[in-house]
Amino acid sequence: MKLIIYESNGAMEVKRTYTIQENGQVTLPTEWREKYGLKKGDMVSFVETDQGLIVVPQALLAMEALDEIGKALKEKGVTLEELMESGREIRGDLLKELYGIDDSANG
């Protein structure tokens, strides 16, 4: 299996061999942890590809998801402000429907 480290401008194939420990852990080299800003406790995701696994920091995945949401909103002609306002309206409707709370005085 190949380990591929994700970079924002593509993927770089890594030709190093690592041993998976008894509990399934692999230690990333210090140079990579420093380069990608990874520290103990950070969350990463593994994306399976035909070539192997890609290790992606969760922060990067979140930014990519936000970019995709932004593109979808733009395609639909919806601004972020409009989306947020509709969310406030829906929240107010739910407060009233589920709990009998009229939130209109706060908005």
C-alpha atoms as a PDB file:
ATOM      1  CA  MET A   1       0.000   0.000   0.000  1.00  0.00           C
ATOM      2  CA  LYS A   2       1.196   3.543  -0.741  1.00  0.00           C
ATOM      3  CA  LEU A   3       0.799   6.419   1.672  1.00  0.00           C
ATOM      4  CA  ILE A   4      -0.056   9.663  -0.138  1.00  0.00           C
ATOM      5  CA  ILE A   5       0.165  12.944   1.745  1.00  0.00           C
ATOM      6  CA  TYR A   6      -2.331  15.509   0.445  1.00  0.00           C
ATOM      7  CA  GLU A   7      -1.115  18.938  -0.646  1.00  0.00           C
ATOM      8  CA  SER A   8      -3.409  21.789  -1.659  1.00  0.00           C
ATOM      9  CA  ASN A   9      -1.949  21.806  -5.179  1.00  0.00           C
ATOM     10  CA  GLY A  10      -2.275  18.063  -5.722  1.00  0.00           C
ATOM     11  CA  ALA A  11      -0.867  14.901  -4.229  1.00  0.00           C
ATOM     12  CA  MET A  12       2.745  13.952  -3.740  1.00  0.00           C
ATOM     13  CA  GLU A  13       3.596  10.245  -3.808  1.00  0.00           C
ATOM     14  CA  VAL A  14       5.737   9.210  -0.894  1.00  0.00           C
ATOM     15  CA  LYS A  15       8.122   6.300  -1.248  1.00  0.00           C
ATOM     16  CA  ARG A  16       8.846   5.467   2.360  1.00  0.00           C
ATOM     17  CA  THR A  17       7.883   2.324   4.215  1.00  0.00           C
ATOM     18  CA  TYR A  18       6.260   2.403   7.648  1.00  0.00           C
ATOM     19  CA  THR A  19       5.299  -0.319  10.056  1.00  0.00           C
ATOM     20  CA  ILE A  20       1.783  -0.289  11.405  1.00  0.00           C
ATOM     21  CA  GLN A  21       1.940  -0.779  15.164  1.00  0.00           C
ATOM     22  CA  GLU A  22      -0.076  -3.382  17.082  1.00  0.00           C
ATOM     23  CA  ASN A  23      -2.937  -0.945  17.736  1.00  0.00           C
ATOM     24  CA  GLY A  24      -3.019   0.280  14.105  1.00  0.00           C
ATOM     25  CA  GLN A  25      -0.986   3.455  14.599  1.00  0.00           C
ATOM     26  CA  VAL A  26       1.583   4.851  12.198  1.00  0.00           C
ATOM     27  CA  THR A  27       3.927   7.631  13.285  1.00  0.00           C
ATOM     28  CA  LEU A  28       4.239  10.478  10.781  1.00  0.00           C
ATOM     29  CA  PRO A  29       7.733  11.948  10.543  1.00  0.00           C
ATOM     30  CA  THR A  30       8.342  15.205  12.420  1.00  0.00           C
ATOM     31  CA  GLU A  31       9.106  17.031   9.156  1.00  0.00           C
ATOM     32  CA  TRP A  32       5.612  16.210   7.829  1.00  0.00           C
ATOM     33  CA  ARG A  33       3.858  17.071  11.088  1.00  0.00           C
ATOM     34  CA  GLU A  34       5.629  20.437  11.102  1.00  0.00           C
ATOM     35  CA  LYS A  35       5.082  21.056   7.381  1.00  0.00           C
ATOM     36  CA  TYR A  36       1.327  20.366   7.617  1.00  0.00           C
ATOM     37  CA  GLY A  37       0.853  21.897  11.058  1.00  0.00           C
ATOM     38  CA  LEU A  38      -0.245  18.621  12.647  1.00  0.00           C
ATOM     39  CA  LYS A  39       0.007  18.129  16.385  1.00  0.00           C
ATOM     40  CA  LYS A  40      -1.104  15.583  18.966  1.00  0.00           C
ATOM     41  CA  GLY A  41      -4.891  15.360  19.059  1.00  0.00           C
ATOM     42  CA  ASP A  42      -5.474  16.808  15.565  1.00  0.00           C
ATOM     43  CA  MET A  43      -8.066  14.984  13.505  1.00  0.00           C
ATOM     44  CA  VAL A  44      -7.197  13.601  10.069  1.00  0.00           C
ATOM     45  CA  SER A  45      -9.252  11.676   7.543  1.00  0.00           C
ATOM     46  CA  PHE A  46      -8.143   8.872   5.289  1.00  0.00           C
ATOM     47  CA  VAL A  47      -9.471   8.953   1.743  1.00  0.00           C
ATOM     48  CA  GLU A  48      -9.196   5.689  -0.169  1.00  0.00           C
ATOM     49  CA  THR A  49      -8.100   5.952  -3.811  1.00  0.00           C
ATOM     50  CA  ASP A  50      -7.056   3.425  -6.446  1.00  0.00           C
ATOM     51  CA  GLN A  51      -3.429   4.292  -5.624  1.00  0.00           C
ATOM     52  CA  GLY A  52      -3.718   3.965  -1.828  1.00  0.00           C
ATOM     53  CA  LEU A  53      -4.714   6.231   1.043  1.00  0.00           C
ATOM     54  CA  ILE A  54      -4.624  10.007   1.225  1.00  0.00           C
ATOM     55  CA  VAL A  55      -4.200  11.539   4.687  1.00  0.00           C
ATOM     56  CA  VAL A  56      -6.140  14.816   4.905  1.00  0.00           C
ATOM     57  CA  PRO A  57      -6.222  17.158   7.926  1.00  0.00           C
ATOM     58  CA  GLN A  58      -9.818  17.787   9.077  1.00  0.00           C
ATOM     59  CA  ALA A  59      -9.296  21.563   8.869  1.00  0.00           C
ATOM     60  CA  LEU A  60      -8.536  21.210   5.160  1.00  0.00           C
ATOM     61  CA  LEU A  61     -11.633  19.076   4.621  1.00  0.00           C
ATOM     62  CA  ALA A  62     -13.745  21.688   6.382  1.00  0.00           C
ATOM     63  CA  MET A  63     -12.355  24.460   4.170  1.00  0.00           C
ATOM     64  CA  GLU A  64     -13.000  22.386   1.044  1.00  0.00           C
ATOM     65  CA  ALA A  65     -16.577  21.727   2.202  1.00  0.00           C
ATOM     66  CA  LEU A  66     -17.119  25.447   2.791  1.00  0.00           C
ATOM     67  CA  ASP A  67     -15.762  26.197  -0.685  1.00  0.00           C
ATOM     68  CA  GLU A  68     -18.194  23.685  -2.189  1.00  0.00           C
ATOM     69  CA  ILE A  69     -21.099  25.189  -0.243  1.00  0.00           C
ATOM     70  CA  GLY A  70     -20.073  28.650  -1.456  1.00  0.00           C
ATOM     71  CA  LYS A  71     -19.992  27.463  -5.079  1.00  0.00           C
ATOM     72  CA  ALA A  72     -23.411  25.825  -4.744  1.00  0.00           C
ATOM     73  CA  LEU A  73     -24.902  28.984  -3.221  1.00  0.00           C
ATOM     74  CA  LYS A  74     -23.415  31.116  -5.978  1.00  0.00           C
ATOM     75  CA  GLU A  75     -24.810  28.797  -8.658  1.00  0.00           C
ATOM     76  CA  LYS A  76     -28.261  29.091  -7.064  1.00  0.00           C
ATOM     77  CA  GLY A  77     -27.929  32.875  -6.779  1.00  0.00           C
ATOM     78  CA  VAL A  78     -28.173  32.792  -2.986  1.00  0.00           C
ATOM     79  CA  THR A  79     -25.955  35.042  -0.866  1.00  0.00           C
ATOM     80  CA  LEU A  80     -24.556  33.966   2.483  1.00  0.00           C
ATOM     81  CA  GLU A  81     -26.648  36.691   4.124  1.00  0.00           C
ATOM     82  CA  GLU A  82     -29.825  35.313   2.538  1.00  0.00           C
ATOM     83  CA  LEU A  83     -28.948  31.811   3.707  1.00  0.00           C
ATOM     84  CA  MET A  84     -28.331  33.020   7.254  1.00  0.00           C
ATOM     85  CA  GLU A  85     -31.595  35.003   7.295  1.00  0.00           C
ATOM     86  CA  SER A  86     -33.589  31.994   6.102  1.00  0.00           C
ATOM     87  CA  GLY A  87     -31.937  29.959   8.868  1.00  0.00           C
ATOM     88  CA  ARG A  88     -33.050  32.541  11.439  1.00  0.00           C
ATOM     89  CA  GLU A  89     -36.593  32.393  10.084  1.00  0.00           C
ATOM     90  CA  ILE A  90     -36.634  28.598  10.208  1.00  0.00           C
ATOM     91  CA  ARG A  91     -35.223  28.628  13.753  1.00  0.00           C
ATOM     92  CA  GLY A  92     -37.937  31.091  14.824  1.00  0.00           C
ATOM     93  CA  ASP A  93     -40.647  28.948  13.260  1.00  0.00           C
ATOM     94  CA  LEU A  94     -39.304  25.847  15.036  1.00  0.00           C
ATOM     95  CA  LEU A  95     -39.107  27.636  18.398  1.00  0.00           C
ATOM     96  CA  LYS A  96     -42.712  28.705  18.032  1.00  0.00           C
ATOM     97  CA  GLU A  97     -43.942  25.331  16.747  1.00  0.00           C
ATOM     98  CA  LEU A  98     -42.062  23.056  19.140  1.00  0.00           C
ATOM     99  CA  TYR A  99     -41.812  25.147  22.314  1.00  0.00           C
ATOM    100  CA  GLY A 100     -44.359  27.925  21.960  1.00  0.00           C
ATOM    101  CA  ILE A 101     -41.597  30.544  22.101  1.00  0.00           C
ATOM    102  CA  ASP A 102     -42.038  33.673  19.986  1.00  0.00           C
ATOM    103  CA  ASP A 103     -38.497  34.708  19.016  1.00  0.00           C
ATOM    104  CA  SER A 104     -39.596  37.561  16.734  1.00  0.00           C
ATOM    105  CA  ALA A 105     -38.864  40.175  19.428  1.00  0.00           C
ATOM    106  CA  ASN A 106     -35.169  39.141  19.399  1.00  0.00           C
ATOM    107  CA  GLY A 107     -34.694  39.294  15.626  1.00  0.00           C
END
